């Protein structure tokens, strides 16, 4: 089912006037069906088991998939979420391997999604400086392909939908969680931790003392409220303080 530009304009006008998450959810369901998709997910990439004030989460995926997502804590490992950090424009799920290398676990995740009736999809990244990374995804039913010609309009819908969700959050007094702010040197140290470097190795790379590196990492852990190096690296990665490019290079 192809959507027309006039319908996108009408959707943008509607969501711009939405007063509540419930109203936005209804508009999302309507435009999702009009575009020929079966499901949508308008979300910040955060742990669903630990809801954070001000985060966006409007999802109408099958409950069986939502259960799997939460049980496996895929917020931090979903290949679609990871791929969205590698681009600023929308991408089809069947092209995700052009953005990231898929591990056997990633392939198992994608297979599990298909097993519960989710087909192909299109994800529009949402990278707002100082906020948690997010995205707007639309998924077809199993066995239904994408209409490639309408994807530029789907991108517009996703961009407007995420911005509308941010506005609704602000209007109801729910502001996005403020991200910890790391210094440039702390960012360098955390990125090297994510690469598996020890304090001694980081000190050699940066040309500073090991004690200085240890202090930078301690301060960074304190800002995030975590005690483990691995958790620090994970939090910084998924909050956008460091990127996969920082860890693996280009």
C-alpha atoms as a PDB file:
ATOM      1  CA  UNK A   1       0.000   0.000   0.000  1.00  0.00           C
ATOM      2  CA  UNK A   2       1.632   3.261  -1.127  1.00  0.00           C
ATOM      3  CA  UNK A   3       1.237   6.422   0.877  1.00  0.00           C
ATOM      4  CA  UNK A   4       0.944   9.871  -0.657  1.00  0.00           C
ATOM      5  CA  UNK A   5       2.686  13.081   0.353  1.00  0.00           C
ATOM      6  CA  UNK A   6      -0.667  14.629   1.294  1.00  0.00           C
ATOM      7  CA  UNK A   7      -1.206  11.841   3.849  1.00  0.00           C
ATOM      8  CA  UNK A   8       2.227  12.455   5.325  1.00  0.00           C
ATOM      9  CA  UNK A   9       1.436  16.154   5.650  1.00  0.00           C
ATOM     10  CA  UNK A  10      -1.856  15.322   7.364  1.00  0.00           C
ATOM     11  CA  UNK A  11      -0.029  12.985   9.769  1.00  0.00           C
ATOM     12  CA  UNK A  12       2.547  15.662  10.590  1.00  0.00           C
ATOM     13  CA  UNK A  13      -0.208  18.168  11.332  1.00  0.00           C
ATOM     14  CA  UNK A  14      -1.996  15.630  13.548  1.00  0.00           C
ATOM     15  CA  UNK A  15       1.017  14.593  15.621  1.00  0.00           C
ATOM     16  CA  UNK A  16       2.050  18.226  15.992  1.00  0.00           C
ATOM     17  CA  UNK A  17      -1.224  18.769  17.819  1.00  0.00           C
ATOM     18  CA  UNK A  18      -1.126  15.531  19.862  1.00  0.00           C
ATOM     19  CA  UNK A  19      -1.530  16.208  23.587  1.00  0.00           C
ATOM     20  CA  UNK A  20      -0.752  12.809  25.067  1.00  0.00           C
ATOM     21  CA  UNK A  21       1.184   9.588  24.418  1.00  0.00           C
ATOM     22  CA  UNK A  22      -2.131   7.786  23.873  1.00  0.00           C
ATOM     23  CA  UNK A  23      -3.120  10.219  21.122  1.00  0.00           C
ATOM     24  CA  UNK A  24       0.284   9.872  19.483  1.00  0.00           C
ATOM     25  CA  UNK A  25       0.007   6.075  19.696  1.00  0.00           C
ATOM     26  CA  UNK A  26      -3.315   6.173  17.845  1.00  0.00           C
ATOM     27  CA  UNK A  27      -1.884   8.387  15.098  1.00  0.00           C
ATOM     28  CA  UNK A  28       1.097   6.036  14.788  1.00  0.00           C
ATOM     29  CA  UNK A  29      -1.125   2.995  14.416  1.00  0.00           C
ATOM     30  CA  UNK A  30      -3.120   4.721  11.683  1.00  0.00           C
ATOM     31  CA  UNK A  31      -0.134   5.894   9.621  1.00  0.00           C
ATOM     32  CA  UNK A  32       1.601   2.530  10.089  1.00  0.00           C
ATOM     33  CA  UNK A  33      -1.331   0.742   8.474  1.00  0.00           C
ATOM     34  CA  UNK A  34      -1.615   3.371   5.718  1.00  0.00           C
ATOM     35  CA  UNK A  35       2.009   2.776   4.778  1.00  0.00           C
ATOM     36  CA  UNK A  36       1.432  -0.972   4.544  1.00  0.00           C
ATOM     37  CA  UNK A  37       3.293  -1.904   7.724  1.00  0.00           C
ATOM     38  CA  UNK A  38       1.970  -4.088  10.527  1.00  0.00           C
ATOM     39  CA  UNK A  39       3.923  -2.784  13.524  1.00  0.00           C
ATOM     40  CA  UNK A  40       5.847   0.230  14.779  1.00  0.00           C
ATOM     41  CA  UNK A  41       8.308   1.011  17.567  1.00  0.00           C
ATOM     42  CA  UNK A  42       9.046   4.577  18.624  1.00  0.00           C
ATOM     43  CA  UNK A  43      11.664   4.235  21.351  1.00  0.00           C
ATOM     44  CA  UNK A  44      14.723   5.413  23.185  1.00  0.00           C
ATOM     45  CA  UNK A  45      17.318   2.646  23.363  1.00  0.00           C
ATOM     46  CA  UNK A  46      17.166   1.993  27.093  1.00  0.00           C
ATOM     47  CA  UNK A  47      16.752  -0.992  29.383  1.00  0.00           C
ATOM     48  CA  UNK A  48      13.041  -1.830  29.289  1.00  0.00           C
ATOM     49  CA  UNK A  49      13.339  -3.550  32.667  1.00  0.00           C
ATOM     50  CA  UNK A  50      14.402  -0.281  34.318  1.00  0.00           C
ATOM     51  CA  UNK A  51      12.113   2.450  32.942  1.00  0.00           C
ATOM     52  CA  UNK A  52      13.645   5.914  33.060  1.00  0.00           C
ATOM     53  CA  UNK A  53      11.652   9.117  33.433  1.00  0.00           C
ATOM     54  CA  UNK A  54      11.281  10.977  30.172  1.00  0.00           C
ATOM     55  CA  UNK A  55      12.190   8.136  27.839  1.00  0.00           C
ATOM     56  CA  UNK A  56      10.092   7.428  24.768  1.00  0.00           C
ATOM     57  CA  UNK A  57       8.516   3.995  24.381  1.00  0.00           C
ATOM     58  CA  UNK A  58       5.531   3.586  22.080  1.00  0.00           C
ATOM     59  CA  UNK A  59       5.484   0.050  20.676  1.00  0.00           C
ATOM     60  CA  UNK A  60       2.876  -2.164  19.062  1.00  0.00           C
ATOM     61  CA  UNK A  61       5.023  -5.190  18.250  1.00  0.00           C
ATOM     62  CA  UNK A  62       3.520  -8.614  19.059  1.00  0.00           C
ATOM     63  CA  UNK A  63       3.531  -9.256  22.796  1.00  0.00           C
ATOM     64  CA  UNK A  64       5.511 -12.463  22.221  1.00  0.00           C
ATOM     65  CA  UNK A  65       8.332 -10.408  20.699  1.00  0.00           C
ATOM     66  CA  UNK A  66       8.207  -7.816  23.458  1.00  0.00           C
ATOM     67  CA  UNK A  67       8.540 -10.642  26.003  1.00  0.00           C
ATOM     68  CA  UNK A  68      11.594 -12.001  24.176  1.00  0.00           C
ATOM     69  CA  UNK A  69      13.080  -8.514  23.897  1.00  0.00           C
ATOM     70  CA  UNK A  70      12.773  -7.881  27.623  1.00  0.00           C
ATOM     71  CA  UNK A  71      13.812 -11.379  28.698  1.00  0.00           C
ATOM     72  CA  UNK A  72      17.012 -11.233  26.629  1.00  0.00           C
ATOM     73  CA  UNK A  73      17.560  -7.522  27.426  1.00  0.00           C
ATOM     74  CA  UNK A  74      18.026  -6.802  23.752  1.00  0.00           C
ATOM     75  CA  UNK A  75      17.976  -3.043  24.270  1.00  0.00           C
ATOM     76  CA  UNK A  76      21.773  -3.302  24.478  1.00  0.00           C
ATOM     77  CA  UNK A  77      22.297  -5.936  21.786  1.00  0.00           C
ATOM     78  CA  UNK A  78      19.522  -5.563  19.215  1.00  0.00           C
ATOM     79  CA  UNK A  79      21.354  -5.478  15.849  1.00  0.00           C
ATOM     80  CA  UNK A  80      18.830  -2.965  14.494  1.00  0.00           C
ATOM     81  CA  UNK A  81      19.510  -0.579  17.381  1.00  0.00           C
ATOM     82  CA  UNK A  82      23.253  -1.016  16.897  1.00  0.00           C
ATOM     83  CA  UNK A  83      23.026  -0.433  13.168  1.00  0.00           C
ATOM     84  CA  UNK A  84      21.073   2.768  13.752  1.00  0.00           C
ATOM     85  CA  UNK A  85      24.149   4.239  15.441  1.00  0.00           C
ATOM     86  CA  UNK A  86      26.068   3.929  12.194  1.00  0.00           C
ATOM     87  CA  UNK A  87      23.860   6.181  10.081  1.00  0.00           C
ATOM     88  CA  UNK A  88      21.710   9.289  10.254  1.00  0.00           C
ATOM     89  CA  UNK A  89      19.211   8.172   7.622  1.00  0.00           C
ATOM     90  CA  UNK A  90      16.668   5.383   7.493  1.00  0.00           C
ATOM     91  CA  UNK A  91      17.716   1.889   6.484  1.00  0.00           C
ATOM     92  CA  UNK A  92      15.954  -1.320   5.515  1.00  0.00           C
ATOM     93  CA  UNK A  93      16.558  -4.269   7.791  1.00  0.00           C
ATOM     94  CA  UNK A  94      17.563  -6.434   4.848  1.00  0.00           C
ATOM     95  CA  UNK A  95      20.534  -4.069   4.411  1.00  0.00           C
ATOM     96  CA  UNK A  96      21.628  -4.074   8.043  1.00  0.00           C
ATOM     97  CA  UNK A  97      24.721  -6.138   7.282  1.00  0.00           C
ATOM     98  CA  UNK A  98      26.049  -3.223   5.232  1.00  0.00           C
ATOM     99  CA  UNK A  99      26.149  -1.196   8.468  1.00  0.00           C
ATOM    100  CA  UNK A 100      27.371  -3.720  11.036  1.00  0.00           C
ATOM    101  CA  UNK A 101      28.899  -7.179  11.084  1.00  0.00           C
ATOM    102  CA  UNK A 102      26.268  -9.675  12.198  1.00  0.00           C
ATOM    103  CA  UNK A 103      27.278 -12.250  14.789  1.00  0.00           C
ATOM    104  CA  UNK A 104      25.553 -15.632  15.155  1.00  0.00           C
ATOM    105  CA  UNK A 105      23.656 -14.118  18.108  1.00  0.00           C
ATOM    106  CA  UNK A 106      22.490 -11.223  15.928  1.00  0.00           C
ATOM    107  CA  UNK A 107      21.209 -13.631  13.303  1.00  0.00           C
ATOM    108  CA  UNK A 108      19.396 -15.586  16.011  1.00  0.00           C
ATOM    109  CA  UNK A 109      17.696 -12.370  17.148  1.00  0.00           C
ATOM    110  CA  UNK A 110      16.520 -11.593  13.615  1.00  0.00           C
ATOM    111  CA  UNK A 111      15.319 -15.174  13.184  1.00  0.00           C
ATOM    112  CA  UNK A 112      13.394 -14.992  16.457  1.00  0.00           C
ATOM    113  CA  UNK A 113      11.646 -11.839  15.226  1.00  0.00           C
ATOM    114  CA  UNK A 114      10.591 -13.592  12.034  1.00  0.00           C
ATOM    115  CA  UNK A 115       9.369 -16.569  14.037  1.00  0.00           C
ATOM    116  CA  UNK A 116       6.846 -14.378  15.884  1.00  0.00           C
ATOM    117  CA  UNK A 117       5.494 -12.889  12.658  1.00  0.00           C
ATOM    118  CA  UNK A 118       7.694  -9.832  12.110  1.00  0.00           C
ATOM    119  CA  UNK A 119       8.843  -9.504   8.517  1.00  0.00           C
ATOM    120  CA  UNK A 120      11.096  -6.887   6.982  1.00  0.00           C
ATOM    121  CA  UNK A 121      11.359  -3.377   8.364  1.00  0.00           C
ATOM    122  CA  UNK A 122      12.674   0.150   8.037  1.00  0.00           C
ATOM    123  CA  UNK A 123      14.335   2.079  10.871  1.00  0.00           C
ATOM    124  CA  UNK A 124      14.847   5.820  11.121  1.00  0.00           C
ATOM    125  CA  UNK A 125      17.594   6.734  13.650  1.00  0.00           C
ATOM    126  CA  UNK A 126      17.052   9.570  16.141  1.00  0.00           C
ATOM    127  CA  UNK A 127      20.310  11.118  17.337  1.00  0.00           C
ATOM    128  CA  UNK A 128      19.687  14.185  19.493  1.00  0.00           C
ATOM    129  CA  UNK A 129      22.860  15.714  21.029  1.00  0.00           C
ATOM    130  CA  UNK A 130      22.779  15.323  24.802  1.00  0.00           C
ATOM    131  CA  UNK A 131      19.964  12.749  24.756  1.00  0.00           C
ATOM    132  CA  UNK A 132      19.751   8.980  24.668  1.00  0.00           C
ATOM    133  CA  UNK A 133      19.848   7.466  21.189  1.00  0.00           C
ATOM    134  CA  UNK A 134      16.503   6.387  19.807  1.00  0.00           C
ATOM    135  CA  UNK A 135      14.735   5.321  16.637  1.00  0.00           C
ATOM    136  CA  UNK A 136      11.420   4.919  14.889  1.00  0.00           C
ATOM    137  CA  UNK A 137      10.929   1.545  13.212  1.00  0.00           C
ATOM    138  CA  UNK A 138       8.185   0.180  11.024  1.00  0.00           C
ATOM    139  CA  UNK A 139       7.862  -3.559  10.397  1.00  0.00           C
ATOM    140  CA  UNK A 140       5.873  -5.568   7.897  1.00  0.00           C
ATOM    141  CA  UNK A 141       4.048  -8.786   8.634  1.00  0.00           C
ATOM    142  CA  UNK A 142       5.985 -11.966   7.959  1.00  0.00           C
ATOM    143  CA  UNK A 143       6.382 -12.588   4.239  1.00  0.00           C
ATOM    144  CA  UNK A 144       5.561  -9.008   3.225  1.00  0.00           C
ATOM    145  CA  UNK A 145       8.321  -7.017   1.559  1.00  0.00           C
ATOM    146  CA  UNK A 146       9.072  -3.286   1.575  1.00  0.00           C
ATOM    147  CA  UNK A 147       7.799  -0.815  -0.971  1.00  0.00           C
ATOM    148  CA  UNK A 148      11.160   0.759  -1.789  1.00  0.00           C
ATOM    149  CA  UNK A 149       9.640   3.723  -3.629  1.00  0.00           C
ATOM    150  CA  UNK A 150       7.806   5.056  -0.575  1.00  0.00           C
ATOM    151  CA  UNK A 151      10.713   4.796   1.886  1.00  0.00           C
ATOM    152  CA  UNK A 152      11.655   8.509   1.598  1.00  0.00           C
ATOM    153  CA  UNK A 153       8.137   9.335   2.835  1.00  0.00           C
ATOM    154  CA  UNK A 154       8.453   6.711   5.587  1.00  0.00           C
ATOM    155  CA  UNK A 155      11.635   8.512   6.672  1.00  0.00           C
ATOM    156  CA  UNK A 156       9.686  11.776   6.985  1.00  0.00           C
ATOM    157  CA  UNK A 157       7.005  10.070   9.050  1.00  0.00           C
ATOM    158  CA  UNK A 158       9.609   8.586  11.402  1.00  0.00           C
ATOM    159  CA  UNK A 159      11.423  11.890  11.869  1.00  0.00           C
ATOM    160  CA  UNK A 160       8.224  13.801  12.636  1.00  0.00           C
ATOM    161  CA  UNK A 161       6.940  11.027  14.904  1.00  0.00           C
ATOM    162  CA  UNK A 162      10.041  11.043  17.097  1.00  0.00           C
ATOM    163  CA  UNK A 163      10.055  14.814  17.381  1.00  0.00           C
ATOM    164  CA  UNK A 164       6.348  14.735  18.271  1.00  0.00           C
ATOM    165  CA  UNK A 165       7.072  12.192  21.011  1.00  0.00           C
ATOM    166  CA  UNK A 166       9.764  14.471  22.445  1.00  0.00           C
ATOM    167  CA  UNK A 167       7.319  17.389  22.424  1.00  0.00           C
ATOM    168  CA  UNK A 168       4.574  15.333  24.108  1.00  0.00           C
ATOM    169  CA  UNK A 169       7.048  14.277  26.802  1.00  0.00           C
ATOM    170  CA  UNK A 170       7.898  17.891  27.494  1.00  0.00           C
ATOM    171  CA  UNK A 171       4.246  18.955  27.495  1.00  0.00           C
ATOM    172  CA  UNK A 172       3.354  16.415  30.185  1.00  0.00           C
ATOM    173  CA  UNK A 173       6.344  17.427  32.290  1.00  0.00           C
ATOM    174  CA  UNK A 174       8.434  14.391  31.432  1.00  0.00           C
ATOM    175  CA  UNK A 175      11.849  15.514  30.245  1.00  0.00           C
ATOM    176  CA  UNK A 176      14.503  13.244  28.742  1.00  0.00           C
ATOM    177  CA  UNK A 177      17.050  12.025  31.236  1.00  0.00           C
ATOM    178  CA  UNK A 178      20.125  14.249  31.236  1.00  0.00           C
ATOM    179  CA  UNK A 179      23.124  12.279  30.135  1.00  0.00           C
ATOM    180  CA  UNK A 180      26.311  12.237  32.201  1.00  0.00           C
ATOM    181  CA  UNK A 181      28.819  14.637  30.674  1.00  0.00           C
ATOM    182  CA  UNK A 182      32.318  13.257  30.336  1.00  0.00           C
ATOM    183  CA  UNK A 183      35.407  15.328  29.698  1.00  0.00           C
ATOM    184  CA  UNK A 184      37.320  14.778  26.460  1.00  0.00           C
ATOM    185  CA  UNK A 185      40.016  12.844  28.327  1.00  0.00           C
ATOM    186  CA  UNK A 186      37.423  10.680  30.089  1.00  0.00           C
ATOM    187  CA  UNK A 187      35.856   9.875  26.725  1.00  0.00           C
ATOM    188  CA  UNK A 188      39.244   8.811  25.384  1.00  0.00           C
ATOM    189  CA  UNK A 189      39.836   6.576  28.403  1.00  0.00           C
ATOM    190  CA  UNK A 190      36.378   4.986  28.255  1.00  0.00           C
ATOM    191  CA  UNK A 191      36.715   4.321  24.511  1.00  0.00           C
ATOM    192  CA  UNK A 192      40.008   2.539  25.159  1.00  0.00           C
ATOM    193  CA  UNK A 193      38.419   0.534  27.977  1.00  0.00           C
ATOM    194  CA  UNK A 194      35.784  -0.561  25.458  1.00  0.00           C
ATOM    195  CA  UNK A 195      38.651  -1.748  23.251  1.00  0.00           C
ATOM    196  CA  UNK A 196      39.830  -3.966  26.102  1.00  0.00           C
ATOM    197  CA  UNK A 197      42.833  -1.884  27.126  1.00  0.00           C
ATOM    198  CA  UNK A 198      44.208  -1.937  30.680  1.00  0.00           C
ATOM    199  CA  UNK A 199      44.970   1.252  32.627  1.00  0.00           C
ATOM    200  CA  UNK A 200      48.676   0.729  31.920  1.00  0.00           C
ATOM    201  CA  UNK A 201      48.035   0.370  28.179  1.00  0.00           C
ATOM    202  CA  UNK A 202      45.769   3.424  28.135  1.00  0.00           C
ATOM    203  CA  UNK A 203      48.435   5.427  29.937  1.00  0.00           C
ATOM    204  CA  UNK A 204      51.025   4.446  27.307  1.00  0.00           C
ATOM    205  CA  UNK A 205      48.662   5.333  24.440  1.00  0.00           C
ATOM    206  CA  UNK A 206      47.694   8.708  25.882  1.00  0.00           C
ATOM    207  CA  UNK A 207      51.115   9.589  27.272  1.00  0.00           C
ATOM    208  CA  UNK A 208      49.953  10.066  30.865  1.00  0.00           C
ATOM    209  CA  UNK A 209      50.461   8.245  34.153  1.00  0.00           C
ATOM    210  CA  UNK A 210      48.501   5.148  35.119  1.00  0.00           C
ATOM    211  CA  UNK A 211      47.232   6.932  38.226  1.00  0.00           C
ATOM    212  CA  UNK A 212      45.815   9.692  36.012  1.00  0.00           C
ATOM    213  CA  UNK A 213      43.984   7.139  33.872  1.00  0.00           C
ATOM    214  CA  UNK A 214      42.597   5.423  36.961  1.00  0.00           C
ATOM    215  CA  UNK A 215      41.298   8.748  38.260  1.00  0.00           C
ATOM    216  CA  UNK A 216      39.672   9.623  34.933  1.00  0.00           C
ATOM    217  CA  UNK A 217      37.886   6.257  34.872  1.00  0.00           C
ATOM    218  CA  UNK A 218      36.834   6.549  38.503  1.00  0.00           C
ATOM    219  CA  UNK A 219      35.355   9.984  37.825  1.00  0.00           C
ATOM    220  CA  UNK A 220      33.559   8.629  34.754  1.00  0.00           C
ATOM    221  CA  UNK A 221      32.135   5.697  36.753  1.00  0.00           C
ATOM    222  CA  UNK A 222      30.954   8.107  39.422  1.00  0.00           C
ATOM    223  CA  UNK A 223      29.188  10.257  36.820  1.00  0.00           C
ATOM    224  CA  UNK A 224      27.369   7.203  35.506  1.00  0.00           C
ATOM    225  CA  UNK A 225      26.772   5.725  38.940  1.00  0.00           C
ATOM    226  CA  UNK A 226      28.364   2.379  38.064  1.00  0.00           C
ATOM    227  CA  UNK A 227      31.208   0.423  39.631  1.00  0.00           C
ATOM    228  CA  UNK A 228      32.374  -1.875  36.832  1.00  0.00           C
ATOM    229  CA  UNK A 229      34.512  -0.928  33.826  1.00  0.00           C
ATOM    230  CA  UNK A 230      32.407  -3.058  31.506  1.00  0.00           C
ATOM    231  CA  UNK A 231      29.198  -1.364  32.627  1.00  0.00           C
ATOM    232  CA  UNK A 232      30.822   2.042  32.205  1.00  0.00           C
ATOM    233  CA  UNK A 233      31.789   1.199  28.631  1.00  0.00           C
ATOM    234  CA  UNK A 234      28.318  -0.180  27.871  1.00  0.00           C
ATOM    235  CA  UNK A 235      26.519   2.830  29.312  1.00  0.00           C
ATOM    236  CA  UNK A 236      28.768   5.279  27.475  1.00  0.00           C
ATOM    237  CA  UNK A 237      28.322   3.349  24.236  1.00  0.00           C
ATOM    238  CA  UNK A 238      24.557   3.187  24.299  1.00  0.00           C
ATOM    239  CA  UNK A 239      24.158   6.736  25.580  1.00  0.00           C
ATOM    240  CA  UNK A 240      26.258   7.948  22.663  1.00  0.00           C
ATOM    241  CA  UNK A 241      29.179   9.323  24.703  1.00  0.00           C
ATOM    242  CA  UNK A 242      31.335   6.960  22.660  1.00  0.00           C
ATOM    243  CA  UNK A 243      30.433   5.230  19.397  1.00  0.00           C
ATOM    244  CA  UNK A 244      31.068   1.889  17.777  1.00  0.00           C
ATOM    245  CA  UNK A 245      33.475   3.738  15.498  1.00  0.00           C
ATOM    246  CA  UNK A 246      35.487   4.728  18.592  1.00  0.00           C
ATOM    247  CA  UNK A 247      35.650   1.090  19.624  1.00  0.00           C
ATOM    248  CA  UNK A 248      36.199  -0.697  16.336  1.00  0.00           C
ATOM    249  CA  UNK A 249      37.401   2.082  14.058  1.00  0.00           C
ATOM    250  CA  UNK A 250      36.223   2.701  10.521  1.00  0.00           C
END
